[in-house]
Amino acid sequence: MPPLDGLQKNTIDVGGLATLVQQFMTLMLYNSGSGQTTPAEMVLTTSGGNVTLSYSGSISMNSQGVTVYLQVLEESNTYTFQYFYVGFDTTNSSYSTSSLELYVSANVNDTPPGGAGTGVVYTDIVRIAYTSASFTKASDSYLFIVWLIEFQNIPSYLVFFTPILQNNVGIVP
């Protein structure tokens, strides 16, 4: 794996992230959310239009999608949440890209032990990161894009208020 400093950097969409946090806090406090069920999307801008990679729980042959893996680390009573968004295209499509955008949603499971809540409620899907990217996907090749979004140095008393982005494992605090 190349050193982290050698990887391509992206830009965090501060407005989108602020919207996500605001919607997450509304879910936490008032339990009012949307019926949104799309955990993640990657939008690749091409000369022929956009290619949208939508959420899929797993990577499979001859398909396109995004899958999400969460890793939670704890050290000295602070937490780091790492979300790995893996975009893939294993079809015989070919295209050239000029930019990428990452869209995500957060969720809250309000069902307490005993099952009297309404279930999982979701934020809207919002763009939280974007980058310029110039590459070509050939028809005889597979495309994999890994995007790491990380919330660092979260004190234990704030873990409950950190947006939990939807992920394959379905982890919630």
N, C-alpha and C. Protein backbone atom coordinates (compact mmCIF):
# COMPACT_ATOMS: atom_id res chain seq x y z
N MET A 1 0.84 -1.17 0.00
CA MET A 1 0.00 0.00 0.00
C MET A 1 0.89 1.24 0.00
N PRO A 2 0.55 2.25 -0.82
CA PRO A 2 1.38 3.45 -0.83
C PRO A 2 1.24 4.22 0.48
N PRO A 3 2.24 5.05 0.81
CA PRO A 3 2.11 5.84 2.03
C PRO A 3 0.89 6.76 1.93
N LEU A 4 0.30 7.05 3.07
CA LEU A 4 -0.92 7.85 3.10
C LEU A 4 -0.73 9.21 2.42
N ASP A 5 0.43 9.82 2.57
CA ASP A 5 0.68 11.12 1.95
C ASP A 5 0.72 11.04 0.43
N GLY A 6 0.92 9.84 -0.13
CA GLY A 6 0.96 9.67 -1.57
C GLY A 6 -0.41 9.46 -2.20
N LEU A 7 -1.44 9.30 -1.37
CA LEU A 7 -2.77 9.07 -1.89
C LEU A 7 -3.40 10.39 -2.33
N GLN A 8 -4.33 10.30 -3.25
CA GLN A 8 -5.00 11.49 -3.74
C GLN A 8 -5.92 12.05 -2.66
N LYS A 9 -5.87 13.35 -2.48
CA LYS A 9 -6.69 14.00 -1.45
C LYS A 9 -8.03 14.41 -2.03
N ASN A 10 -9.04 14.45 -1.18
CA ASN A 10 -10.34 14.93 -1.58
C ASN A 10 -10.69 16.18 -0.79
N THR A 11 -11.79 16.79 -1.13
CA THR A 11 -12.24 17.98 -0.43
C THR A 11 -13.51 17.62 0.33
N ILE A 12 -13.54 17.96 1.60
CA ILE A 12 -14.73 17.73 2.40
C ILE A 12 -15.74 18.83 2.08
N ASP A 13 -16.96 18.44 1.82
CA ASP A 13 -18.04 19.39 1.58
C ASP A 13 -18.59 19.80 2.94
N VAL A 14 -18.10 20.92 3.46
CA VAL A 14 -18.45 21.35 4.81
C VAL A 14 -19.96 21.60 4.94
N GLY A 15 -20.57 22.18 3.91
CA GLY A 15 -22.01 22.41 3.94
C GLY A 15 -22.78 21.10 4.02
N GLY A 16 -22.37 20.12 3.22
CA GLY A 16 -23.02 18.82 3.25
C GLY A 16 -22.83 18.12 4.58
N LEU A 17 -21.62 18.18 5.12
CA LEU A 17 -21.34 17.55 6.40
C LEU A 17 -22.14 18.23 7.52
N ALA A 18 -22.25 19.56 7.47
CA ALA A 18 -23.05 20.28 8.47
C ALA A 18 -24.52 19.87 8.38
N THR A 19 -25.03 19.71 7.16
CA THR A 19 -26.41 19.27 6.97
C THR A 19 -26.60 17.87 7.55
N LEU A 20 -25.64 16.99 7.30
CA LEU A 20 -25.72 15.62 7.82
C LEU A 20 -25.74 15.62 9.35
N VAL A 21 -24.87 16.40 9.97
CA VAL A 21 -24.81 16.45 11.43
C VAL A 21 -26.12 17.04 11.98
N GLN A 22 -26.63 18.10 11.36
CA GLN A 22 -27.88 18.71 11.82
C GLN A 22 -29.04 17.72 11.72
N GLN A 23 -29.12 17.01 10.60
CA GLN A 23 -30.19 16.02 10.44
C GLN A 23 -30.03 14.87 11.43
N PHE A 24 -28.80 14.45 11.69
CA PHE A 24 -28.55 13.38 12.64
C PHE A 24 -28.99 13.79 14.05
N MET A 25 -28.66 15.02 14.45
CA MET A 25 -29.06 15.49 15.77
C MET A 25 -30.58 15.61 15.87
N THR A 26 -31.25 16.01 14.79
CA THR A 26 -32.71 16.05 14.78
C THR A 26 -33.28 14.65 14.99
N LEU A 27 -32.66 13.66 14.34
CA LEU A 27 -33.10 12.27 14.56
C LEU A 27 -32.91 11.86 16.01
N MET A 28 -31.76 12.21 16.57
CA MET A 28 -31.45 11.82 17.95
C MET A 28 -32.43 12.46 18.94
N LEU A 29 -32.73 13.73 18.74
CA LEU A 29 -33.52 14.46 19.72
C LEU A 29 -35.03 14.36 19.51
N TYR A 30 -35.45 14.35 18.24
CA TYR A 30 -36.88 14.43 17.95
C TYR A 30 -37.45 13.22 17.22
N ASN A 31 -36.57 12.29 16.83
CA ASN A 31 -36.99 11.08 16.15
C ASN A 31 -37.82 11.37 14.89
N SER A 32 -37.43 12.41 14.16
CA SER A 32 -38.13 12.69 12.91
C SER A 32 -37.13 12.61 11.78
N GLY A 33 -37.31 11.64 10.91
CA GLY A 33 -36.40 11.44 9.80
C GLY A 33 -37.17 11.10 8.55
N SER A 34 -36.45 10.76 7.53
CA SER A 34 -37.07 10.46 6.25
C SER A 34 -37.13 8.95 6.03
N GLY A 35 -37.74 8.57 4.95
CA GLY A 35 -37.78 7.18 4.56
C GLY A 35 -36.58 6.80 3.71
N GLN A 36 -35.57 7.67 3.68
CA GLN A 36 -34.36 7.45 2.88
C GLN A 36 -33.72 6.13 3.26
N THR A 37 -33.40 5.32 2.28
CA THR A 37 -32.74 4.05 2.58
C THR A 37 -31.47 3.85 1.77
N THR A 38 -31.01 4.86 1.07
CA THR A 38 -29.78 4.73 0.29
C THR A 38 -28.60 5.13 1.16
N PRO A 39 -27.78 4.16 1.59
CA PRO A 39 -26.66 4.49 2.47
C PRO A 39 -25.58 5.33 1.80
N ALA A 40 -25.29 5.06 0.53
CA ALA A 40 -24.17 5.75 -0.11
C ALA A 40 -24.29 5.69 -1.62
N GLU A 41 -23.70 6.69 -2.25
CA GLU A 41 -23.55 6.72 -3.70
C GLU A 41 -22.25 7.42 -4.05
N MET A 42 -21.64 7.00 -5.13
CA MET A 42 -20.53 7.72 -5.73
C MET A 42 -20.99 8.13 -7.11
N VAL A 43 -20.77 9.41 -7.43
CA VAL A 43 -21.13 9.91 -8.74
C VAL A 43 -19.83 10.26 -9.47
N LEU A 44 -19.62 9.61 -10.61
CA LEU A 44 -18.45 9.84 -11.44
C LEU A 44 -18.89 10.69 -12.63
N THR A 45 -18.28 11.84 -12.80
CA THR A 45 -18.60 12.71 -13.93
C THR A 45 -17.78 12.28 -15.13
N THR A 46 -18.48 12.00 -16.24
CA THR A 46 -17.82 11.59 -17.48
C THR A 46 -18.24 12.54 -18.58
N SER A 47 -17.59 12.44 -19.73
CA SER A 47 -17.94 13.31 -20.86
C SER A 47 -19.31 12.97 -21.41
N GLY A 48 -19.78 11.74 -21.21
CA GLY A 48 -21.08 11.32 -21.70
C GLY A 48 -22.19 11.44 -20.67
N GLY A 49 -21.91 12.07 -19.53
CA GLY A 49 -22.89 12.17 -18.45
C GLY A 49 -22.32 11.59 -17.17
N ASN A 50 -23.18 11.35 -16.20
CA ASN A 50 -22.72 10.81 -14.92
C ASN A 50 -22.90 9.30 -14.85
N VAL A 51 -21.97 8.66 -14.16
CA VAL A 51 -22.11 7.25 -13.80
C VAL A 51 -22.34 7.24 -12.30
N THR A 52 -23.46 6.70 -11.85
CA THR A 52 -23.79 6.66 -10.43
C THR A 52 -23.61 5.23 -9.92
N LEU A 53 -22.74 5.10 -8.94
CA LEU A 53 -22.53 3.82 -8.27
C LEU A 53 -23.37 3.86 -7.00
N SER A 54 -24.42 3.05 -6.93
CA SER A 54 -25.34 3.05 -5.80
C SER A 54 -25.00 1.94 -4.82
N TYR A 55 -25.52 2.08 -3.61
CA TYR A 55 -25.20 1.14 -2.54
C TYR A 55 -25.54 -0.30 -2.90
N SER A 56 -24.62 -1.18 -2.55
CA SER A 56 -24.81 -2.62 -2.67
C SER A 56 -24.15 -3.23 -1.45
N GLY A 57 -24.78 -4.20 -0.85
CA GLY A 57 -24.23 -4.82 0.35
C GLY A 57 -22.95 -5.60 0.14
N SER A 58 -22.65 -5.92 -1.12
CA SER A 58 -21.43 -6.69 -1.39
C SER A 58 -20.97 -6.42 -2.82
N ILE A 59 -19.76 -6.82 -3.10
CA ILE A 59 -19.18 -6.68 -4.43
C ILE A 59 -19.42 -7.98 -5.18
N SER A 60 -19.91 -7.86 -6.41
CA SER A 60 -20.15 -9.06 -7.21
C SER A 60 -19.70 -8.81 -8.65
N MET A 61 -19.59 -9.88 -9.39
CA MET A 61 -19.14 -9.80 -10.78
C MET A 61 -20.24 -9.18 -11.65
N ASN A 62 -19.80 -8.47 -12.69
CA ASN A 62 -20.67 -7.85 -13.67
C ASN A 62 -21.72 -6.93 -13.03
N SER A 63 -21.24 -6.06 -12.10
CA SER A 63 -22.14 -5.13 -11.44
C SER A 63 -21.40 -3.85 -11.08
N GLN A 64 -22.17 -2.87 -10.70
CA GLN A 64 -21.63 -1.59 -10.23
C GLN A 64 -22.23 -1.32 -8.86
N GLY A 65 -21.50 -0.61 -8.02
CA GLY A 65 -22.06 -0.26 -6.73
C GLY A 65 -21.06 0.34 -5.78
N VAL A 66 -21.52 0.53 -4.55
CA VAL A 66 -20.71 1.02 -3.44
C VAL A 66 -21.03 0.15 -2.24
N THR A 67 -20.02 -0.27 -1.54
CA THR A 67 -20.21 -1.00 -0.30
C THR A 67 -19.46 -0.25 0.79
N VAL A 68 -19.90 -0.37 2.03
CA VAL A 68 -19.38 0.45 3.13
C VAL A 68 -18.94 -0.44 4.28
N TYR A 69 -17.72 -0.21 4.75
CA TYR A 69 -17.19 -0.96 5.88
C TYR A 69 -16.77 0.02 6.97
N LEU A 70 -17.13 -0.29 8.21
CA LEU A 70 -16.84 0.57 9.35
C LEU A 70 -15.83 -0.10 10.26
N GLN A 71 -14.89 0.69 10.73
CA GLN A 71 -13.94 0.23 11.74
C GLN A 71 -13.93 1.27 12.86
N VAL A 72 -14.09 0.83 14.09
CA VAL A 72 -14.07 1.73 15.25
C VAL A 72 -12.84 1.40 16.08
N LEU A 73 -12.03 2.41 16.35
CA LEU A 73 -10.80 2.24 17.13
C LEU A 73 -10.91 3.08 18.40
N GLU A 74 -10.33 2.59 19.49
CA GLU A 74 -10.32 3.33 20.75
C GLU A 74 -8.92 3.32 21.32
N GLU A 75 -8.46 4.49 21.74
CA GLU A 75 -7.16 4.60 22.38
C GLU A 75 -7.20 5.77 23.35
N SER A 76 -6.79 5.55 24.57
CA SER A 76 -6.76 6.59 25.61
C SER A 76 -8.11 7.28 25.77
N ASN A 77 -9.18 6.52 25.74
CA ASN A 77 -10.54 7.02 25.94
C ASN A 77 -11.01 7.99 24.85
N THR A 78 -10.39 7.93 23.67
CA THR A 78 -10.90 8.66 22.50
C THR A 78 -11.13 7.64 21.39
N TYR A 79 -12.08 7.95 20.54
CA TYR A 79 -12.49 7.02 19.50
C TYR A 79 -12.22 7.59 18.12
N THR A 80 -12.00 6.68 17.17
CA THR A 80 -11.88 7.02 15.75
C THR A 80 -12.83 6.12 14.99
N PHE A 81 -13.71 6.72 14.19
CA PHE A 81 -14.61 5.97 13.32
C PHE A 81 -14.07 6.09 11.91
N GLN A 82 -13.75 4.98 11.29
CA GLN A 82 -13.25 4.95 9.92
C GLN A 82 -14.28 4.27 9.03
N TYR A 83 -14.75 4.99 8.02
CA TYR A 83 -15.69 4.43 7.04
C TYR A 83 -14.94 4.25 5.73
N PHE A 84 -14.91 3.03 5.23
CA PHE A 84 -14.28 2.73 3.95
C PHE A 84 -15.39 2.54 2.93
N TYR A 85 -15.49 3.46 1.99
CA TYR A 85 -16.46 3.38 0.90
C TYR A 85 -15.73 2.78 -0.30
N VAL A 86 -16.17 1.61 -0.74
CA VAL A 86 -15.54 0.95 -1.87
C VAL A 86 -16.50 1.00 -3.05
N GLY A 87 -16.17 1.85 -4.03
CA GLY A 87 -16.94 1.91 -5.26
C GLY A 87 -16.36 0.91 -6.24
N PHE A 88 -17.22 0.23 -6.98
CA PHE A 88 -16.72 -0.78 -7.91
C PHE A 88 -17.56 -0.80 -9.18
N ASP A 89 -16.89 -1.18 -10.26
CA ASP A 89 -17.55 -1.40 -11.55
C ASP A 89 -16.85 -2.58 -12.20
N THR A 90 -17.51 -3.72 -12.19
CA THR A 90 -16.94 -4.93 -12.78
C THR A 90 -17.66 -5.29 -14.08
N THR A 91 -18.34 -4.30 -14.66
CA THR A 91 -19.03 -4.51 -15.93
C THR A 91 -18.06 -4.27 -17.09
N ASN A 92 -18.53 -4.45 -18.32
CA ASN A 92 -17.68 -4.19 -19.48
C ASN A 92 -17.86 -2.76 -19.99
N SER A 93 -18.36 -1.86 -19.15
CA SER A 93 -18.49 -0.45 -19.51
C SER A 93 -17.12 0.19 -19.65
N SER A 94 -17.06 1.23 -20.46
CA SER A 94 -15.82 2.02 -20.56
C SER A 94 -16.19 3.50 -20.55
N TYR A 95 -15.39 4.27 -19.83
CA TYR A 95 -15.61 5.71 -19.71
C TYR A 95 -14.38 6.36 -19.11
N SER A 96 -14.30 7.67 -19.26
CA SER A 96 -13.24 8.48 -18.65
C SER A 96 -13.89 9.46 -17.69
N THR A 97 -13.29 9.64 -16.53
CA THR A 97 -13.87 10.52 -15.52
C THR A 97 -13.08 11.82 -15.39
N SER A 98 -13.77 12.84 -14.88
CA SER A 98 -13.12 14.11 -14.57
C SER A 98 -13.29 14.49 -13.11
N SER A 99 -14.29 13.91 -12.42
CA SER A 99 -14.46 14.18 -11.00
C SER A 99 -15.29 13.09 -10.34
N LEU A 100 -15.19 13.04 -9.01
CA LEU A 100 -15.94 12.08 -8.19
C LEU A 100 -16.63 12.83 -7.06
N GLU A 101 -17.81 12.35 -6.66
CA GLU A 101 -18.51 12.89 -5.51
C GLU A 101 -18.98 11.73 -4.64
N LEU A 102 -18.94 11.92 -3.32
CA LEU A 102 -19.40 10.90 -2.39
C LEU A 102 -20.62 11.43 -1.64
N TYR A 103 -21.72 10.67 -1.70
CA TYR A 103 -22.96 10.99 -1.02
C TYR A 103 -23.23 9.92 0.03
N VAL A 104 -23.63 10.33 1.24
CA VAL A 104 -23.89 9.38 2.32
C VAL A 104 -25.12 9.79 3.11
N SER A 105 -25.61 8.87 3.93
CA SER A 105 -26.67 9.19 4.87
C SER A 105 -26.32 8.55 6.21
N ALA A 106 -26.93 9.07 7.27
CA ALA A 106 -26.72 8.54 8.61
C ALA A 106 -28.03 7.93 9.09
N ASN A 107 -27.95 7.13 10.13
CA ASN A 107 -29.16 6.51 10.64
C ASN A 107 -29.14 6.42 12.15
N VAL A 108 -30.34 6.29 12.72
CA VAL A 108 -30.52 6.10 14.15
C VAL A 108 -31.53 4.98 14.33
N ASN A 109 -31.19 4.01 15.13
CA ASN A 109 -32.13 2.94 15.47
C ASN A 109 -32.74 3.32 16.81
N ASP A 110 -34.01 3.70 16.78
CA ASP A 110 -34.64 4.16 18.02
C ASP A 110 -35.42 3.04 18.73
N THR A 111 -35.24 1.82 18.28
CA THR A 111 -35.94 0.71 18.93
C THR A 111 -35.17 0.30 20.18
N PRO A 112 -35.76 0.52 21.35
CA PRO A 112 -35.06 0.14 22.59
C PRO A 112 -35.13 -1.37 22.79
N PRO A 113 -34.32 -1.91 23.68
CA PRO A 113 -34.47 -3.32 24.00
C PRO A 113 -35.91 -3.58 24.45
N GLY A 114 -36.55 -4.50 23.86
CA GLY A 114 -37.96 -4.74 24.13
C GLY A 114 -38.83 -4.42 22.93
N GLY A 115 -38.29 -3.60 21.98
CA GLY A 115 -38.92 -3.39 20.70
C GLY A 115 -40.10 -2.45 20.61
N ALA A 116 -40.18 -1.36 21.39
CA ALA A 116 -41.34 -0.47 21.34
C ALA A 116 -41.13 0.75 20.45
N GLY A 117 -39.98 0.90 19.79
CA GLY A 117 -39.72 2.09 18.98
C GLY A 117 -40.23 1.95 17.56
N THR A 118 -39.90 2.94 16.73
CA THR A 118 -40.36 2.94 15.34
C THR A 118 -39.36 2.28 14.41
N GLY A 119 -38.21 1.88 14.89
CA GLY A 119 -37.21 1.24 14.03
C GLY A 119 -36.13 2.22 13.62
N VAL A 120 -35.57 1.99 12.46
CA VAL A 120 -34.48 2.81 11.98
C VAL A 120 -35.03 4.00 11.20
N VAL A 121 -34.53 5.19 11.51
CA VAL A 121 -34.87 6.40 10.76
C VAL A 121 -33.59 6.94 10.16
N TYR A 122 -33.71 7.64 9.03
CA TYR A 122 -32.55 8.01 8.23
C TYR A 122 -32.50 9.51 7.96
N THR A 123 -31.29 10.00 7.76
CA THR A 123 -31.13 11.35 7.24
C THR A 123 -31.29 11.28 5.73
N ASP A 124 -31.39 12.43 5.10
CA ASP A 124 -31.35 12.47 3.65
C ASP A 124 -29.93 12.13 3.20
N ILE A 125 -29.79 11.71 1.97
CA ILE A 125 -28.46 11.46 1.43
C ILE A 125 -27.88 12.81 0.99
N VAL A 126 -26.66 13.12 1.44
CA VAL A 126 -26.03 14.40 1.14
C VAL A 126 -24.59 14.19 0.69
N ARG A 127 -24.10 15.14 -0.11
CA ARG A 127 -22.71 15.06 -0.55
C ARG A 127 -21.82 15.53 0.59
N ILE A 128 -20.83 14.69 0.94
CA ILE A 128 -19.91 15.09 2.00
C ILE A 128 -18.46 15.23 1.52
N ALA A 129 -18.17 14.75 0.31
CA ALA A 129 -16.80 14.87 -0.20
C ALA A 129 -16.81 14.84 -1.72
N TYR A 130 -15.79 15.47 -2.32
CA TYR A 130 -15.64 15.46 -3.77
C TYR A 130 -14.18 15.67 -4.12
N THR A 131 -13.82 15.29 -5.33
CA THR A 131 -12.44 15.45 -5.79
C THR A 131 -12.39 15.46 -7.30
N SER A 132 -11.36 16.05 -7.84
CA SER A 132 -11.07 15.93 -9.26
C SER A 132 -10.35 14.60 -9.46
N ALA A 133 -10.69 13.92 -10.52
CA ALA A 133 -10.05 12.64 -10.80
C ALA A 133 -10.03 12.43 -12.30
N SER A 134 -8.91 12.02 -12.81
CA SER A 134 -8.80 11.78 -14.24
C SER A 134 -8.28 10.37 -14.46
N PHE A 135 -9.19 9.48 -14.86
CA PHE A 135 -8.80 8.11 -15.18
C PHE A 135 -9.79 7.55 -16.18
N THR A 136 -9.37 6.47 -16.84
CA THR A 136 -10.23 5.80 -17.81
C THR A 136 -10.47 4.37 -17.36
N LYS A 137 -11.73 3.96 -17.39
CA LYS A 137 -12.07 2.58 -17.12
C LYS A 137 -12.28 1.91 -18.46
N ALA A 138 -11.45 0.94 -18.78
CA ALA A 138 -11.55 0.20 -20.04
C ALA A 138 -12.58 -0.91 -19.90
N SER A 139 -13.12 -1.35 -21.02
CA SER A 139 -14.16 -2.38 -21.00
C SER A 139 -13.63 -3.74 -20.50
N ASP A 140 -12.33 -3.96 -20.59
CA ASP A 140 -11.76 -5.24 -20.15
C ASP A 140 -11.08 -5.14 -18.78
N SER A 141 -11.46 -4.12 -17.99
CA SER A 141 -10.84 -3.96 -16.67
C SER A 141 -11.92 -3.71 -15.61
N TYR A 142 -11.52 -3.90 -14.36
CA TYR A 142 -12.40 -3.63 -13.23
C TYR A 142 -11.97 -2.33 -12.57
N LEU A 143 -12.93 -1.60 -12.05
CA LEU A 143 -12.65 -0.34 -11.36
C LEU A 143 -12.98 -0.50 -9.89
N PHE A 144 -12.04 -0.10 -9.02
CA PHE A 144 -12.28 -0.04 -7.59
C PHE A 144 -11.81 1.32 -7.09
N ILE A 145 -12.67 2.00 -6.35
CA ILE A 145 -12.35 3.30 -5.76
C ILE A 145 -12.57 3.14 -4.25
N VAL A 146 -11.55 3.44 -3.46
CA VAL A 146 -11.70 3.37 -2.01
C VAL A 146 -11.62 4.78 -1.46
N TRP A 147 -12.65 5.15 -0.73
CA TRP A 147 -12.73 6.47 -0.13
C TRP A 147 -12.80 6.29 1.38
N LEU A 148 -11.88 6.89 2.12
CA LEU A 148 -11.85 6.78 3.57
C LEU A 148 -12.36 8.08 4.18
N ILE A 149 -13.42 7.98 4.97
CA ILE A 149 -13.94 9.11 5.73
C ILE A 149 -13.73 8.76 7.19
N GLU A 150 -13.10 9.67 7.93
CA GLU A 150 -12.70 9.35 9.29
C GLU A 150 -13.10 10.47 10.24
N PHE A 151 -13.73 10.10 11.35
CA PHE A 151 -13.99 11.01 12.46
C PHE A 151 -12.96 10.65 13.53
N GLN A 152 -12.07 11.61 13.88
CA GLN A 152 -10.95 11.31 14.77
C GLN A 152 -11.10 11.97 16.13
N ASN A 153 -10.44 11.37 17.12
CA ASN A 153 -10.31 11.94 18.47
C ASN A 153 -11.64 12.32 19.09
N ILE A 154 -12.59 11.42 19.04
CA ILE A 154 -13.91 11.66 19.62
C ILE A 154 -13.85 11.22 21.09
N PRO A 155 -14.08 12.15 22.03
CA PRO A 155 -14.09 11.73 23.43
C PRO A 155 -15.28 10.81 23.70
N SER A 156 -15.14 9.96 24.70
CA SER A 156 -16.17 8.95 24.96
C SER A 156 -17.54 9.57 25.22
N TYR A 157 -17.60 10.75 25.82
CA TYR A 157 -18.89 11.36 26.11
C TYR A 157 -19.58 11.92 24.86
N LEU A 158 -18.88 12.00 23.72
CA LEU A 158 -19.49 12.49 22.48
C LEU A 158 -19.78 11.38 21.48
N VAL A 159 -19.42 10.14 21.78
CA VAL A 159 -19.63 9.04 20.83
C VAL A 159 -21.10 8.93 20.45
N PHE A 160 -21.97 9.06 21.42
CA PHE A 160 -23.41 8.92 21.16
C PHE A 160 -23.93 9.98 20.19
N PHE A 161 -23.26 11.14 20.11
CA PHE A 161 -23.71 12.23 19.25
C PHE A 161 -22.91 12.34 17.95
N THR A 162 -22.07 11.36 17.69
CA THR A 162 -21.31 11.33 16.43
C THR A 162 -22.16 10.66 15.38
N PRO A 163 -22.35 11.30 14.20
CA PRO A 163 -23.19 10.67 13.17
C PRO A 163 -22.69 9.27 12.83
N ILE A 164 -23.61 8.32 12.87
CA ILE A 164 -23.30 6.95 12.47
C ILE A 164 -23.75 6.81 11.02
N LEU A 165 -22.79 6.73 10.12
CA LEU A 165 -23.11 6.60 8.72
C LEU A 165 -23.55 5.17 8.47
N GLN A 166 -24.50 5.01 7.57
CA GLN A 166 -24.98 3.66 7.29
C GLN A 166 -23.84 2.81 6.77
N ASN A 167 -23.82 1.55 7.17
CA ASN A 167 -22.72 0.66 6.80
C ASN A 167 -23.23 -0.76 6.72
N ASN A 168 -22.42 -1.61 6.11
CA ASN A 168 -22.82 -3.01 5.91
C ASN A 168 -23.09 -3.75 7.19
N VAL A 169 -22.35 -3.42 8.25
CA VAL A 169 -22.48 -4.14 9.50
C VAL A 169 -23.71 -3.69 10.27
N GLY A 170 -24.18 -2.46 10.01
CA GLY A 170 -25.34 -1.93 10.71
C GLY A 170 -25.04 -1.53 12.14
N ILE A 171 -23.82 -1.08 12.38
CA ILE A 171 -23.41 -0.69 13.73
C ILE A 171 -24.07 0.63 14.11
N VAL A 172 -24.62 0.65 15.31
CA VAL A 172 -25.15 1.88 15.92
C VAL A 172 -24.68 1.90 17.36
N PRO A 173 -24.59 3.08 17.97
CA PRO A 173 -24.11 3.11 19.36
C PRO A 173 -25.10 2.48 20.32
